[in-house]
Amino acid sequence: MKINSKHLGLVTKKFNQFFLVDLKNQESSGNREKFLCKVKKSINFKDQLIYVGDVVVIENIDLKSKRALITSLKERKNLLVRPSVANISNIYVTFSVEEPELNLSQVNRFLISAESMGAEVSLVLTKCDLISDTRRSVLLDKFRKWGYQAITLNLEKTHYFNNLKADLKQKECSIFMGPSGVGKTTLLNMIIPGLQNNTAPVSNKIKRGKNTTRNVELFSISNQSYIVDTPGFNMQPLEVDIRLLPYLYSEIYKQVIDEETKCKFRNCLHLNDEGCNLNKSFERYSFYKEMIESSKSHYYQNQED
């Protein structure tokens, strides 16, 4: 039996020229209807590729064979470059506090990269069973000053994980972003029943984990909520207009919009400009300066090329 009407679908997996598409807006709490789709030959998406996470229109739906044709692509909210996945609503930047040891500079770069996506950003700290409660409190206070209410996970305290899982079920499409070896695959295995992705130990030599996940796929975790199963190291190349970088740091943004401390210079980068009113005593200011200088070097290098 074929259906001639148009339906919205969500691309959950991509392989070769085929796409696995879930019908959207299904009221049933059971399994979603999935269709194996190809793009209609006569359709030209202006050289755009279709990615996991894209919303598409499907037609020529065959209910018996579970096949259909993709006839149009809806405008996407955002696109993660590595791995390629579209329309992320929530990014959970994930780091371990030990094994491998927490690298604050790297945490900062991941957070700013995530903020540049325009999604809601959260910070998750794994392996907190390896540190003392005092150390955990210190880290929570540190990241609170950065502008994040960090989520801490402890294998000995399952209610921490249950709270995270409940939070994920309220989001539209979430992804764990972070370096390999911090426990993202373990988390996904706990969240998605039957996933059973392979995990690998942290290398003693290079002190980071081995990438264990290869394919990008969306999994439904509640009605209208998905999570991305994704390859390991997925920090985005940060290509942000240098003038927008201050707005990705909450410590700067809060001051910029405050009329009492607002910098009098338009498009100020808040470095060493005389007359800049920004309070530069916050911890991440050194990271901010490094990113500004790096962005400047990248800009001038491109101009010379």
C-alpha atoms as a PDB file:
ATOM      1  CA  MET A   1       0.000   0.000   0.000  1.00  0.00           C
ATOM      2  CA  LYS A   2       1.320   3.433  -0.973  1.00  0.00           C
ATOM      3  CA  ILE A   3       0.498   6.847   0.488  1.00  0.00           C
ATOM      4  CA  ASN A   4       0.668   9.812  -1.883  1.00  0.00           C
ATOM      5  CA  SER A   5       0.527  12.553   0.767  1.00  0.00           C
ATOM      6  CA  LYS A   6       3.612  14.412   2.029  1.00  0.00           C
ATOM      7  CA  HIS A   7       5.025  13.815   5.499  1.00  0.00           C
ATOM      8  CA  LEU A   8       7.791  15.387   7.547  1.00  0.00           C
ATOM      9  CA  GLY A   9      10.576  13.039   8.550  1.00  0.00           C
ATOM     10  CA  LEU A  10      13.800  13.120  10.553  1.00  0.00           C
ATOM     11  CA  VAL A  11      16.977  11.587   9.126  1.00  0.00           C
ATOM     12  CA  THR A  12      18.358   9.280  11.821  1.00  0.00           C
ATOM     13  CA  LYS A  13      21.013   7.411   9.845  1.00  0.00           C
ATOM     14  CA  LYS A  14      22.867   7.787   6.550  1.00  0.00           C
ATOM     15  CA  PHE A  15      24.677   5.112   4.554  1.00  0.00           C
ATOM     16  CA  ASN A  16      25.772   5.354   0.931  1.00  0.00           C
ATOM     17  CA  GLN A  17      22.837   6.865  -0.999  1.00  0.00           C
ATOM     18  CA  PHE A  18      20.213   5.712   1.502  1.00  0.00           C
ATOM     19  CA  PHE A  19      18.716   7.448   4.535  1.00  0.00           C
ATOM     20  CA  LEU A  20      16.793   6.010   7.472  1.00  0.00           C
ATOM     21  CA  VAL A  21      13.954   8.434   8.213  1.00  0.00           C
ATOM     22  CA  ASP A  22      11.570   8.564  11.205  1.00  0.00           C
ATOM     23  CA  LEU A  23       8.125  10.033  10.661  1.00  0.00           C
ATOM     24  CA  LYS A  24       7.800  13.154  12.809  1.00  0.00           C
ATOM     25  CA  ASN A  25       4.928  14.163  15.107  1.00  0.00           C
ATOM     26  CA  GLN A  26       3.728  10.629  15.787  1.00  0.00           C
ATOM     27  CA  GLU A  27       1.382  10.499  18.748  1.00  0.00           C
ATOM     28  CA  SER A  28       2.044   6.848  19.557  1.00  0.00           C
ATOM     29  CA  SER A  29       4.398   6.149  22.464  1.00  0.00           C
ATOM     30  CA  GLY A  30       5.490   2.916  20.763  1.00  0.00           C
ATOM     31  CA  ASN A  31       8.160   2.404  18.104  1.00  0.00           C
ATOM     32  CA  ARG A  32       8.346   5.151  15.514  1.00  0.00           C
ATOM     33  CA  GLU A  33       7.692   4.284  11.905  1.00  0.00           C
ATOM     34  CA  LYS A  34      10.965   4.199  10.003  1.00  0.00           C
ATOM     35  CA  PHE A  35      11.428   4.327   6.243  1.00  0.00           C
ATOM     36  CA  LEU A  36      14.399   3.590   4.028  1.00  0.00           C
ATOM     37  CA  CYS A  37      14.624   6.540   1.664  1.00  0.00           C
ATOM     38  CA  LYS A  38      16.475   7.772  -1.373  1.00  0.00           C
ATOM     39  CA  VAL A  39      16.440  11.294  -2.778  1.00  0.00           C
ATOM     40  CA  LYS A  40      14.092  11.745  -5.721  1.00  0.00           C
ATOM     41  CA  LYS A  41      16.253  11.915  -8.859  1.00  0.00           C
ATOM     42  CA  SER A  42      14.547  15.013 -10.231  1.00  0.00           C
ATOM     43  CA  ILE A  43      15.194  16.992  -7.038  1.00  0.00           C
ATOM     44  CA  ASN A  44      18.153  19.390  -6.814  1.00  0.00           C
ATOM     45  CA  PHE A  45      18.987  20.693  -3.335  1.00  0.00           C
ATOM     46  CA  LYS A  46      21.394  23.301  -4.762  1.00  0.00           C
ATOM     47  CA  ASP A  47      24.373  21.010  -4.106  1.00  0.00           C
ATOM     48  CA  GLN A  48      23.413  20.690  -0.433  1.00  0.00           C
ATOM     49  CA  LEU A  49      24.097  17.357   1.229  1.00  0.00           C
ATOM     50  CA  ILE A  50      21.589  15.708   3.546  1.00  0.00           C
ATOM     51  CA  TYR A  51      22.905  14.949   7.036  1.00  0.00           C
ATOM     52  CA  VAL A  52      21.757  12.967  10.043  1.00  0.00           C
ATOM     53  CA  GLY A  53      19.450  15.292  12.001  1.00  0.00           C
ATOM     54  CA  ASP A  54      17.993  16.983   8.920  1.00  0.00           C
ATOM     55  CA  VAL A  55      14.239  17.396   8.634  1.00  0.00           C
ATOM     56  CA  VAL A  56      13.004  16.295   5.216  1.00  0.00           C
ATOM     57  CA  VAL A  57       9.742  15.887   3.339  1.00  0.00           C
ATOM     58  CA  ILE A  58       9.062  12.338   2.164  1.00  0.00           C
ATOM     59  CA  GLU A  59       6.551  11.146  -0.443  1.00  0.00           C
ATOM     60  CA  ASN A  60       5.639   7.953  -2.312  1.00  0.00           C
ATOM     61  CA  ILE A  61       5.487   6.150   1.019  1.00  0.00           C
ATOM     62  CA  ASP A  62       5.179   2.387   0.719  1.00  0.00           C
ATOM     63  CA  LEU A  63       3.853   1.036   4.020  1.00  0.00           C
ATOM     64  CA  LYS A  64       4.583  -2.592   3.118  1.00  0.00           C
ATOM     65  CA  SER A  65       8.223  -2.275   2.069  1.00  0.00           C
ATOM     66  CA  LYS A  66       8.847   0.704   4.403  1.00  0.00           C
ATOM     67  CA  ARG A  67      10.385   2.751   1.599  1.00  0.00           C
ATOM     68  CA  ALA A  68       9.865   6.359   0.487  1.00  0.00           C
ATOM     69  CA  LEU A  69      11.415   9.220  -1.470  1.00  0.00           C
ATOM     70  CA  ILE A  70      12.915  12.422  -0.050  1.00  0.00           C
ATOM     71  CA  THR A  71      11.533  15.326  -2.063  1.00  0.00           C
ATOM     72  CA  SER A  72      12.652  18.394  -0.108  1.00  0.00           C
ATOM     73  CA  LEU A  73      14.970  19.502   2.681  1.00  0.00           C
ATOM     74  CA  LYS A  74      13.856  21.902   5.421  1.00  0.00           C
ATOM     75  CA  GLU A  75      16.117  24.741   6.547  1.00  0.00           C
ATOM     76  CA  ARG A  76      18.383  23.576   9.347  1.00  0.00           C
ATOM     77  CA  LYS A  77      19.106  25.452  12.592  1.00  0.00           C
ATOM     78  CA  ASN A  78      22.775  24.500  12.723  1.00  0.00           C
ATOM     79  CA  LEU A  79      25.281  21.969  11.443  1.00  0.00           C
ATOM     80  CA  LEU A  80      28.018  20.227  13.362  1.00  0.00           C
ATOM     81  CA  VAL A  81      31.005  19.778  11.063  1.00  0.00           C
ATOM     82  CA  ARG A  82      32.786  16.885  12.770  1.00  0.00           C
ATOM     83  CA  PRO A  83      30.898  14.611  12.923  1.00  0.00           C
ATOM     84  CA  SER A  84      28.314  15.874  10.439  1.00  0.00           C
ATOM     85  CA  VAL A  85      24.953  16.163  12.201  1.00  0.00           C
ATOM     86  CA  ALA A  86      22.276  18.847  11.891  1.00  0.00           C
ATOM     87  CA  ASN A  87      19.756  20.594  14.140  1.00  0.00           C
ATOM     88  CA  ILE A  88      21.366  20.028  17.533  1.00  0.00           C
ATOM     89  CA  SER A  89      19.333  21.656  20.312  1.00  0.00           C
ATOM     90  CA  ASN A  90      21.561  20.765  23.279  1.00  0.00           C
ATOM     91  CA  ILE A  91      25.292  20.153  23.551  1.00  0.00           C
ATOM     92  CA  TYR A  92      26.657  18.399  26.632  1.00  0.00           C
ATOM     93  CA  VAL A  93      30.382  19.158  26.760  1.00  0.00           C
ATOM     94  CA  THR A  94      31.792  16.116  28.537  1.00  0.00           C
ATOM     95  CA  PHE A  95      35.120  15.787  30.374  1.00  0.00           C
ATOM     96  CA  SER A  96      36.526  13.412  32.962  1.00  0.00           C
ATOM     97  CA  VAL A  97      38.016  14.841  36.152  1.00  0.00           C
ATOM     98  CA  GLU A  98      40.675  12.097  36.158  1.00  0.00           C
ATOM     99  CA  GLU A  99      42.010   9.462  33.734  1.00  0.00           C
ATOM    100  CA  PRO A 100      42.552  11.542  31.668  1.00  0.00           C
ATOM    101  CA  GLU A 101      43.223  14.519  33.918  1.00  0.00           C
ATOM    102  CA  LEU A 102      41.051  17.610  33.483  1.00  0.00           C
ATOM    103  CA  ASN A 103      42.599  20.137  31.086  1.00  0.00           C
ATOM    104  CA  LEU A 104      40.970  23.543  31.730  1.00  0.00           C
ATOM    105  CA  SER A 105      42.247  25.128  28.525  1.00  0.00           C
ATOM    106  CA  GLN A 106      40.747  22.280  26.507  1.00  0.00           C
ATOM    107  CA  VAL A 107      37.480  22.467  28.459  1.00  0.00           C
ATOM    108  CA  ASN A 108      37.277  26.153  27.624  1.00  0.00           C
ATOM    109  CA  ARG A 109      37.850  25.582  23.897  1.00  0.00           C
ATOM    110  CA  PHE A 110      35.170  22.905  23.782  1.00  0.00           C
ATOM    111  CA  LEU A 111      32.707  25.171  25.614  1.00  0.00           C
ATOM    112  CA  ILE A 112      33.324  28.147  23.328  1.00  0.00           C
ATOM    113  CA  SER A 113      33.157  25.921  20.248  1.00  0.00           C
ATOM    114  CA  ALA A 114      29.805  24.594  21.490  1.00  0.00           C
ATOM    115  CA  GLU A 115      28.523  28.103  22.288  1.00  0.00           C
ATOM    116  CA  SER A 116      29.287  29.188  18.718  1.00  0.00           C
ATOM    117  CA  MET A 117      26.746  26.608  17.499  1.00  0.00           C
ATOM    118  CA  GLY A 118      23.836  28.536  18.955  1.00  0.00           C
ATOM    119  CA  ALA A 119      22.604  25.537  20.954  1.00  0.00           C
ATOM    120  CA  GLU A 120      22.031  25.276  24.709  1.00  0.00           C
ATOM    121  CA  VAL A 121      25.334  24.232  26.303  1.00  0.00           C
ATOM    122  CA  SER A 122      25.835  22.168  29.464  1.00  0.00           C
ATOM    123  CA  LEU A 123      28.999  20.832  31.100  1.00  0.00           C
ATOM    124  CA  VAL A 124      29.226  17.214  32.271  1.00  0.00           C
ATOM    125  CA  LEU A 125      32.057  15.967  34.510  1.00  0.00           C
ATOM    126  CA  THR A 126      32.539  12.184  34.580  1.00  0.00           C
ATOM    127  CA  LYS A 127      34.517   9.831  36.837  1.00  0.00           C
ATOM    128  CA  CYS A 128      33.824  11.943  39.932  1.00  0.00           C
ATOM    129  CA  ASP A 129      34.096   8.758  42.008  1.00  0.00           C
ATOM    130  CA  LEU A 130      37.877   9.162  41.483  1.00  0.00           C
ATOM    131  CA  ILE A 131      38.035  12.494  43.371  1.00  0.00           C
ATOM    132  CA  SER A 132      37.088  13.664  46.857  1.00  0.00           C
ATOM    133  CA  ASP A 133      33.863  15.529  47.654  1.00  0.00           C
ATOM    134  CA  THR A 134      35.992  18.574  48.451  1.00  0.00           C
ATOM    135  CA  ARG A 135      37.591  18.499  44.990  1.00  0.00           C
ATOM    136  CA  ARG A 136      34.148  18.093  43.418  1.00  0.00           C
ATOM    137  CA  SER A 137      32.871  21.161  45.288  1.00  0.00           C
ATOM    138  CA  VAL A 138      35.880  23.191  44.156  1.00  0.00           C
ATOM    139  CA  LEU A 139      35.218  22.259  40.530  1.00  0.00           C
ATOM    140  CA  LEU A 140      31.511  23.053  40.814  1.00  0.00           C
ATOM    141  CA  ASP A 141      32.359  26.499  42.192  1.00  0.00           C
ATOM    142  CA  LYS A 142      34.967  27.080  39.473  1.00  0.00           C
ATOM    143  CA  PHE A 143      32.614  26.290  36.611  1.00  0.00           C
ATOM    144  CA  ARG A 144      29.778  28.224  38.243  1.00  0.00           C
ATOM    145  CA  LYS A 145      32.009  31.295  37.910  1.00  0.00           C
ATOM    146  CA  TRP A 146      32.500  30.353  34.251  1.00  0.00           C
ATOM    147  CA  GLY A 147      28.722  30.477  33.866  1.00  0.00           C
ATOM    148  CA  TYR A 148      27.917  26.739  33.966  1.00  0.00           C
ATOM    149  CA  GLN A 149      26.064  24.576  36.491  1.00  0.00           C
ATOM    150  CA  ALA A 150      28.233  21.502  35.943  1.00  0.00           C
ATOM    151  CA  ILE A 151      26.608  18.075  36.012  1.00  0.00           C
ATOM    152  CA  THR A 152      28.793  15.608  37.929  1.00  0.00           C
ATOM    153  CA  LEU A 153      28.581  11.844  37.434  1.00  0.00           C
ATOM    154  CA  ASN A 154      29.681   9.261  39.968  1.00  0.00           C
ATOM    155  CA  LEU A 155      29.439   5.499  39.366  1.00  0.00           C
ATOM    156  CA  GLU A 156      28.703   5.035  43.060  1.00  0.00           C
ATOM    157  CA  LYS A 157      25.769   7.509  43.057  1.00  0.00           C
ATOM    158  CA  THR A 158      23.275   6.452  40.394  1.00  0.00           C
ATOM    159  CA  HIS A 159      20.833   9.303  41.105  1.00  0.00           C
ATOM    160  CA  TYR A 160      23.308  11.698  39.420  1.00  0.00           C
ATOM    161  CA  PHE A 161      22.991   9.696  36.194  1.00  0.00           C
ATOM    162  CA  ASN A 162      19.211   9.370  36.570  1.00  0.00           C
ATOM    163  CA  ASN A 163      18.924  13.152  36.825  1.00  0.00           C
ATOM    164  CA  LEU A 164      20.953  13.557  33.624  1.00  0.00           C
ATOM    165  CA  LYS A 165      18.830  10.976  31.801  1.00  0.00           C
ATOM    166  CA  ALA A 166      15.638  12.743  32.875  1.00  0.00           C
ATOM    167  CA  ASP A 167      17.078  16.037  31.620  1.00  0.00           C
ATOM    168  CA  LEU A 168      17.964  14.521  28.229  1.00  0.00           C
ATOM    169  CA  LYS A 169      14.393  13.302  27.784  1.00  0.00           C
ATOM    170  CA  GLN A 170      13.192  16.918  27.931  1.00  0.00           C
ATOM    171  CA  LYS A 171      15.437  18.020  25.063  1.00  0.00           C
ATOM    172  CA  GLU A 172      14.815  17.824  21.334  1.00  0.00           C
ATOM    173  CA  CYS A 173      18.168  16.544  20.042  1.00  0.00           C
ATOM    174  CA  SER A 174      21.215  16.240  22.301  1.00  0.00           C
ATOM    175  CA  ILE A 175      24.842  15.335  21.740  1.00  0.00           C
ATOM    176  CA  PHE A 176      27.788  14.581  24.025  1.00  0.00           C
ATOM    177  CA  MET A 177      30.819  16.514  22.800  1.00  0.00           C
ATOM    178  CA  GLY A 178      34.268  15.918  24.216  1.00  0.00           C
ATOM    179  CA  PRO A 179      37.610  14.182  23.695  1.00  0.00           C
ATOM    180  CA  SER A 180      37.918  10.410  23.598  1.00  0.00           C
ATOM    181  CA  GLY A 181      38.380   8.539  26.846  1.00  0.00           C
ATOM    182  CA  VAL A 182      36.122  10.693  29.038  1.00  0.00           C
ATOM    183  CA  GLY A 183      33.251   8.205  29.154  1.00  0.00           C
ATOM    184  CA  LYS A 184      30.872   9.356  26.392  1.00  0.00           C
ATOM    185  CA  THR A 185      30.477   5.834  24.971  1.00  0.00           C
ATOM    186  CA  THR A 186      29.805   4.419  28.446  1.00  0.00           C
ATOM    187  CA  LEU A 187      27.131   7.074  28.981  1.00  0.00           C
ATOM    188  CA  LEU A 188      25.475   6.309  25.650  1.00  0.00           C
ATOM    189  CA  ASN A 189      25.446   2.586  26.449  1.00  0.00           C
ATOM    190  CA  MET A 190      23.643   3.392  29.715  1.00  0.00           C
ATOM    191  CA  ILE A 191      21.153   5.766  28.082  1.00  0.00           C
ATOM    192  CA  ILE A 192      20.314   3.710  24.979  1.00  0.00           C
ATOM    193  CA  PRO A 193      19.279   0.129  25.839  1.00  0.00           C
ATOM    194  CA  GLY A 194      20.942  -2.458  23.614  1.00  0.00           C
ATOM    195  CA  LEU A 195      23.431  -0.043  22.026  1.00  0.00           C
ATOM    196  CA  GLN A 196      26.539  -1.813  23.382  1.00  0.00           C
ATOM    197  CA  ASN A 197      29.176   0.305  21.648  1.00  0.00           C
ATOM    198  CA  ASN A 198      32.721  -0.847  22.348  1.00  0.00           C
ATOM    199  CA  THR A 199      34.746   1.075  24.904  1.00  0.00           C
ATOM    200  CA  ALA A 200      38.525   1.298  25.037  1.00  0.00           C
ATOM    201  CA  PRO A 201      40.876   2.075  27.937  1.00  0.00           C
ATOM    202  CA  VAL A 202      42.872   5.294  28.219  1.00  0.00           C
ATOM    203  CA  SER A 203      46.321   4.960  26.681  1.00  0.00           C
ATOM    204  CA  ASN A 204      49.086   5.116  29.290  1.00  0.00           C
ATOM    205  CA  LYS A 205      51.406   6.664  26.728  1.00  0.00           C
ATOM    206  CA  ILE A 206      49.314   9.542  25.420  1.00  0.00           C
ATOM    207  CA  LYS A 207      46.906   9.765  28.379  1.00  0.00           C
ATOM    208  CA  ARG A 208      43.758   9.901  26.276  1.00  0.00           C
ATOM    209  CA  GLY A 209      41.183   7.413  25.128  1.00  0.00           C
ATOM    210  CA  LYS A 210      40.969   5.597  21.836  1.00  0.00           C
ATOM    211  CA  ASN A 211      38.109   6.464  19.506  1.00  0.00           C
ATOM    212  CA  THR A 212      35.623   3.573  19.698  1.00  0.00           C
ATOM    213  CA  THR A 213      32.524   4.880  17.868  1.00  0.00           C
ATOM    214  CA  ARG A 214      32.413   5.226  14.081  1.00  0.00           C
ATOM    215  CA  ASN A 215      28.935   5.911  12.690  1.00  0.00           C
ATOM    216  CA  VAL A 216      26.644   8.861  13.348  1.00  0.00           C
ATOM    217  CA  GLU A 217      23.095   7.893  14.282  1.00  0.00           C
ATOM    218  CA  LEU A 218      20.116   9.381  16.142  1.00  0.00           C
ATOM    219  CA  PHE A 219      18.365   7.291  18.796  1.00  0.00           C
ATOM    220  CA  SER A 220      14.961   8.083  20.251  1.00  0.00           C
ATOM    221  CA  ILE A 221      15.014   8.239  24.065  1.00  0.00           C
ATOM    222  CA  SER A 222      11.499   9.624  24.636  1.00  0.00           C
ATOM    223  CA  ASN A 223       8.588  11.013  22.690  1.00  0.00           C
ATOM    224  CA  GLN A 224      10.110  13.729  20.434  1.00  0.00           C
ATOM    225  CA  SER A 225      13.563  13.433  22.080  1.00  0.00           C
ATOM    226  CA  TYR A 226      16.712  12.098  20.416  1.00  0.00           C
ATOM    227  CA  ILE A 227      20.351  11.659  21.300  1.00  0.00           C
ATOM    228  CA  VAL A 228      23.272  11.392  18.881  1.00  0.00           C
ATOM    229  CA  ASP A 229      25.598   8.401  18.880  1.00  0.00           C
ATOM    230  CA  THR A 230      28.759   9.952  17.512  1.00  0.00           C
ATOM    231  CA  PRO A 231      32.509   9.392  16.962  1.00  0.00           C
ATOM    232  CA  GLY A 232      34.855  10.361  19.786  1.00  0.00           C
ATOM    233  CA  PHE A 233      36.810  13.578  19.325  1.00  0.00           C
ATOM    234  CA  ASN A 234      34.386  16.134  17.977  1.00  0.00           C
ATOM    235  CA  MET A 235      35.461  19.672  18.848  1.00  0.00           C
ATOM    236  CA  GLN A 236      34.387  21.974  16.048  1.00  0.00           C
ATOM    237  CA  PRO A 237      36.857  24.147  14.141  1.00  0.00           C
ATOM    238  CA  LEU A 238      36.197  27.547  15.681  1.00  0.00           C
ATOM    239  CA  GLU A 239      35.516  29.918  12.814  1.00  0.00           C
ATOM    240  CA  VAL A 240      33.754  32.798  14.545  1.00  0.00           C
ATOM    241  CA  ASP A 241      33.889  36.480  13.648  1.00  0.00           C
ATOM    242  CA  ILE A 242      36.447  37.842  16.104  1.00  0.00           C
ATOM    243  CA  ARG A 243      33.984  40.604  17.110  1.00  0.00           C
ATOM    244  CA  LEU A 244      31.487  37.966  18.270  1.00  0.00           C
ATOM    245  CA  LEU A 245      33.955  36.047  20.447  1.00  0.00           C
ATOM    246  CA  PRO A 246      33.364  38.250  23.558  1.00  0.00           C
ATOM    247  CA  TYR A 247      29.670  37.315  23.493  1.00  0.00           C
ATOM    248  CA  LEU A 248      30.500  33.603  23.832  1.00  0.00           C
ATOM    249  CA  TYR A 249      32.056  34.193  27.270  1.00  0.00           C
ATOM    250  CA  SER A 250      29.345  34.704  29.896  1.00  0.00           C
ATOM    251  CA  GLU A 251      31.764  36.673  32.127  1.00  0.00           C
ATOM    252  CA  ILE A 252      32.219  39.242  29.349  1.00  0.00           C
ATOM    253  CA  TYR A 253      28.688  39.207  27.962  1.00  0.00           C
ATOM    254  CA  LYS A 254      27.126  39.995  31.348  1.00  0.00           C
ATOM    255  CA  GLN A 255      29.369  43.050  31.682  1.00  0.00           C
ATOM    256  CA  VAL A 256      28.804  44.221  28.105  1.00  0.00           C
ATOM    257  CA  ILE A 257      25.012  44.352  28.543  1.00  0.00           C
ATOM    258  CA  ASP A 258      25.265  45.997  31.991  1.00  0.00           C
ATOM    259  CA  GLU A 259      24.802  49.743  31.511  1.00  0.00           C
ATOM    260  CA  GLU A 260      26.923  50.586  34.572  1.00  0.00           C
ATOM    261  CA  THR A 261      30.015  48.709  33.406  1.00  0.00           C
ATOM    262  CA  LYS A 262      29.364  48.804  29.671  1.00  0.00           C
ATOM    263  CA  CYS A 263      32.535  49.426  27.683  1.00  0.00           C
ATOM    264  CA  LYS A 264      32.409  52.822  25.956  1.00  0.00           C
ATOM    265  CA  PHE A 265      34.141  51.497  22.827  1.00  0.00           C
ATOM    266  CA  ARG A 266      32.052  50.038  20.029  1.00  0.00           C
ATOM    267  CA  ASN A 267      33.161  46.526  18.971  1.00  0.00           C
ATOM    268  CA  CYS A 268      35.855  46.563  21.657  1.00  0.00           C
ATOM    269  CA  LEU A 269      37.808  43.305  21.958  1.00  0.00           C
ATOM    270  CA  HIS A 270      38.523  44.063  25.640  1.00  0.00           C
ATOM    271  CA  LEU A 271      42.261  43.547  25.507  1.00  0.00           C
ATOM    272  CA  ASN A 272      44.582  46.331  26.611  1.00  0.00           C
ATOM    273  CA  ASP A 273      42.670  49.261  25.141  1.00  0.00           C
ATOM    274  CA  GLU A 274      42.950  52.361  27.329  1.00  0.00           C
ATOM    275  CA  GLY A 275      39.506  53.278  28.575  1.00  0.00           C
ATOM    276  CA  CYS A 276      38.039  49.765  28.303  1.00  0.00           C
ATOM    277  CA  ASN A 277      35.829  49.365  31.386  1.00  0.00           C
ATOM    278  CA  LEU A 278      35.727  45.576  31.389  1.00  0.00           C
ATOM    279  CA  ASN A 279      36.673  43.862  34.661  1.00  0.00           C
ATOM    280  CA  LYS A 280      39.357  41.432  33.482  1.00  0.00           C
ATOM    281  CA  SER A 281      39.948  39.632  36.766  1.00  0.00           C
ATOM    282  CA  PHE A 282      37.920  36.521  35.885  1.00  0.00           C
ATOM    283  CA  GLU A 283      39.757  33.191  35.509  1.00  0.00           C
ATOM    284  CA  ARG A 284      39.056  32.582  31.825  1.00  0.00           C
ATOM    285  CA  TYR A 285      40.416  35.941  30.686  1.00  0.00           C
ATOM    286  CA  SER A 286      43.813  34.392  29.842  1.00  0.00           C
ATOM    287  CA  PHE A 287      42.040  31.778  27.675  1.00  0.00           C
ATOM    288  CA  TYR A 288      40.022  34.548  26.049  1.00  0.00           C
ATOM    289  CA  LYS A 289      43.150  36.537  25.148  1.00  0.00           C
ATOM    290  CA  GLU A 290      44.760  33.436  23.643  1.00  0.00           C
ATOM    291  CA  MET A 291      41.699  32.805  21.487  1.00  0.00           C
ATOM    292  CA  ILE A 292      41.585  36.425  20.325  1.00  0.00           C
ATOM    293  CA  GLU A 293      45.261  36.375  19.333  1.00  0.00           C
ATOM    294  CA  SER A 294      44.826  33.008  17.625  1.00  0.00           C
ATOM    295  CA  SER A 295      41.816  34.329  15.705  1.00  0.00           C
ATOM    296  CA  LYS A 296      43.784  37.402  14.647  1.00  0.00           C
ATOM    297  CA  SER A 297      46.670  35.279  13.367  1.00  0.00           C
ATOM    298  CA  HIS A 298      44.255  33.033  11.457  1.00  0.00           C
ATOM    299  CA  TYR A 299      42.546  36.104   9.944  1.00  0.00           C
ATOM    300  CA  TYR A 300      45.767  37.774   8.758  1.00  0.00           C
ATOM    301  CA  GLN A 301      47.115  34.484   7.406  1.00  0.00           C
ATOM    302  CA  ASN A 302      43.970  34.067   5.284  1.00  0.00           C
ATOM    303  CA  GLN A 303      44.318  37.647   4.048  1.00  0.00           C
ATOM    304  CA  GLU A 304      47.890  36.948   2.884  1.00  0.00           C
ATOM    305  CA  ASP A 305      46.785  33.747   1.146  1.00  0.00           C
END
